[in-house]
Amino acid sequence: MRLIILIVWTFSLSACTAMVVGGGGKSTTTSSNPTMHRAADTALRTEIRNKLAAHPELSMFDVDVTVSRGFVTLTGEVQGYKAREAAEKIAMSADGVGGVKNRITVTASK
């Protein structure tokens, strides 16, 4: 009898915890709040652009970064496939990225 009461009490408490912490068990990462997504996307874009600017073969002016709901699209022109791959790796390394679409074109060296 004590075991049944303990199990029911434990489940009751975990349901309360989910309501208090996650809003009724709903995950905050799948929120449909557009303001939350815009803020997270802006932070991701800024982080990626800063890392691109710090890379010796890249410039944040060569590569444009757009982010929508955690998915990154890279566009622009770079000189060489190594630079293209480096930009993609930088984007993938940012925390919170769901995927990267690399549309960067490679141009001949000047």
Protein backbone atom coordinates (compact mmCIF):
# COMPACT_ATOMS: atom_id res chain seq x y z
CA MET A 1 0.00 0.00 0.00
CA ARG A 2 2.82 2.42 0.87
CA LEU A 3 4.55 1.64 -2.41
CA ILE A 4 1.44 2.53 -4.45
CA ILE A 5 1.02 5.81 -2.59
CA LEU A 6 4.69 6.64 -3.11
CA ILE A 7 4.46 5.93 -6.86
CA VAL A 8 1.31 8.04 -7.27
CA TRP A 9 2.83 10.87 -5.23
CA THR A 10 6.04 10.74 -7.32
CA PHE A 11 4.09 10.95 -10.59
CA SER A 12 2.03 13.82 -9.22
CA LEU A 13 5.15 15.77 -8.31
CA SER A 14 6.80 15.19 -11.68
CA ALA A 15 3.68 16.46 -13.44
CA CYS A 16 3.79 19.62 -11.32
CA THR A 17 7.46 20.08 -12.09
CA ALA A 18 6.76 19.84 -15.81
CA MET A 19 4.04 22.47 -15.52
CA VAL A 20 6.20 24.87 -13.53
CA VAL A 21 9.42 24.42 -15.51
CA GLY A 22 8.20 23.74 -19.03
CA GLY A 23 4.75 25.26 -19.19
CA GLY A 24 2.59 22.18 -18.82
CA GLY A 25 5.10 19.78 -20.28
CA LYS A 26 5.49 21.78 -23.51
CA SER A 27 9.08 22.17 -24.62
CA THR A 28 10.22 25.77 -24.92
CA THR A 29 12.51 24.87 -27.83
CA THR A 30 9.54 24.10 -30.08
CA SER A 31 7.72 27.26 -29.17
CA SER A 32 5.79 29.04 -31.88
CA ASN A 33 6.77 32.42 -30.40
CA PRO A 34 8.21 34.34 -33.38
CA THR A 35 10.01 36.84 -31.16
CA MET A 36 11.92 34.03 -29.42
CA HIS A 37 12.95 32.55 -32.79
CA ARG A 38 14.08 35.93 -34.13
CA ALA A 39 16.22 36.57 -31.07
CA ALA A 40 17.82 33.13 -31.25
CA ASP A 41 18.36 33.46 -35.00
CA THR A 42 19.93 36.89 -34.59
CA ALA A 43 22.30 35.58 -31.93
CA LEU A 44 23.29 32.64 -34.15
CA ARG A 45 23.87 34.93 -37.14
CA THR A 46 26.05 37.25 -35.05
CA GLU A 47 28.10 34.36 -33.66
CA ILE A 48 28.70 32.88 -37.12
CA ARG A 49 29.58 36.26 -38.69
CA ASN A 50 32.09 36.97 -35.89
CA LYS A 51 33.75 33.58 -36.43
CA LEU A 52 33.88 34.18 -40.19
CA ALA A 53 35.51 37.56 -39.61
CA ALA A 54 38.18 35.96 -37.42
CA HIS A 55 39.07 33.30 -40.01
CA PRO A 56 42.19 34.16 -42.06
CA GLU A 57 40.77 32.92 -45.39
CA LEU A 58 37.29 34.38 -44.98
CA SER A 59 35.59 37.67 -44.47
CA MET A 60 32.14 38.37 -43.16
CA PHE A 61 31.83 40.61 -46.24
CA ASP A 62 32.42 37.65 -48.62
CA VAL A 63 29.81 35.40 -47.03
CA ASP A 64 26.24 36.35 -46.21
CA VAL A 65 24.60 34.47 -43.37
CA THR A 66 20.85 34.07 -42.97
CA VAL A 67 19.24 32.09 -40.18
CA SER A 68 15.65 30.92 -39.91
CA ARG A 69 14.56 28.82 -36.93
CA GLY A 70 18.11 27.59 -36.39
CA PHE A 71 18.77 26.65 -40.01
CA VAL A 72 21.62 28.56 -41.63
CA THR A 73 22.01 29.50 -45.29
CA LEU A 74 25.39 30.67 -46.50
CA THR A 75 25.69 32.65 -49.76
CA GLY A 76 28.41 34.69 -51.40
CA GLU A 77 31.70 34.15 -53.17
CA VAL A 78 35.04 32.91 -51.86
CA GLN A 79 38.35 32.10 -53.51
CA GLY A 80 38.88 28.39 -53.11
CA TYR A 81 37.09 25.28 -51.92
CA LYS A 82 38.95 25.29 -48.60
CA ALA A 83 37.40 28.66 -47.76
CA ARG A 84 33.95 27.36 -48.75
CA GLU A 85 34.35 24.30 -46.53
CA ALA A 86 35.73 26.42 -43.68
CA ALA A 87 32.65 28.66 -43.78
CA GLU A 88 30.37 25.63 -43.59
CA LYS A 89 32.32 24.13 -40.67
CA ILE A 90 32.16 27.45 -38.82
CA ALA A 91 28.40 27.61 -39.28
CA MET A 92 27.93 23.99 -38.16
CA SER A 93 30.03 24.58 -35.05
CA ALA A 94 27.72 27.27 -33.68
CA ASP A 95 25.59 26.05 -30.79
CA GLY A 96 21.93 25.69 -31.76
CA VAL A 97 22.35 25.21 -35.50
CA GLY A 98 19.87 22.72 -36.93
CA GLY A 99 21.49 22.50 -40.34
CA VAL A 100 23.49 24.42 -42.92
CA LYS A 101 22.70 25.03 -46.57
CA ASN A 102 25.95 26.05 -48.25
CA ARG A 103 25.26 28.10 -51.40
CA ILE A 104 28.66 29.77 -51.51
CA THR A 105 30.24 29.88 -54.95
CA VAL A 106 33.96 29.50 -55.57
CA THR A 107 35.62 32.04 -57.86
CA ALA A 108 39.00 31.97 -59.51
CA SER A 109 41.86 33.61 -57.65
CA LYS A 110 42.49 37.25 -58.52
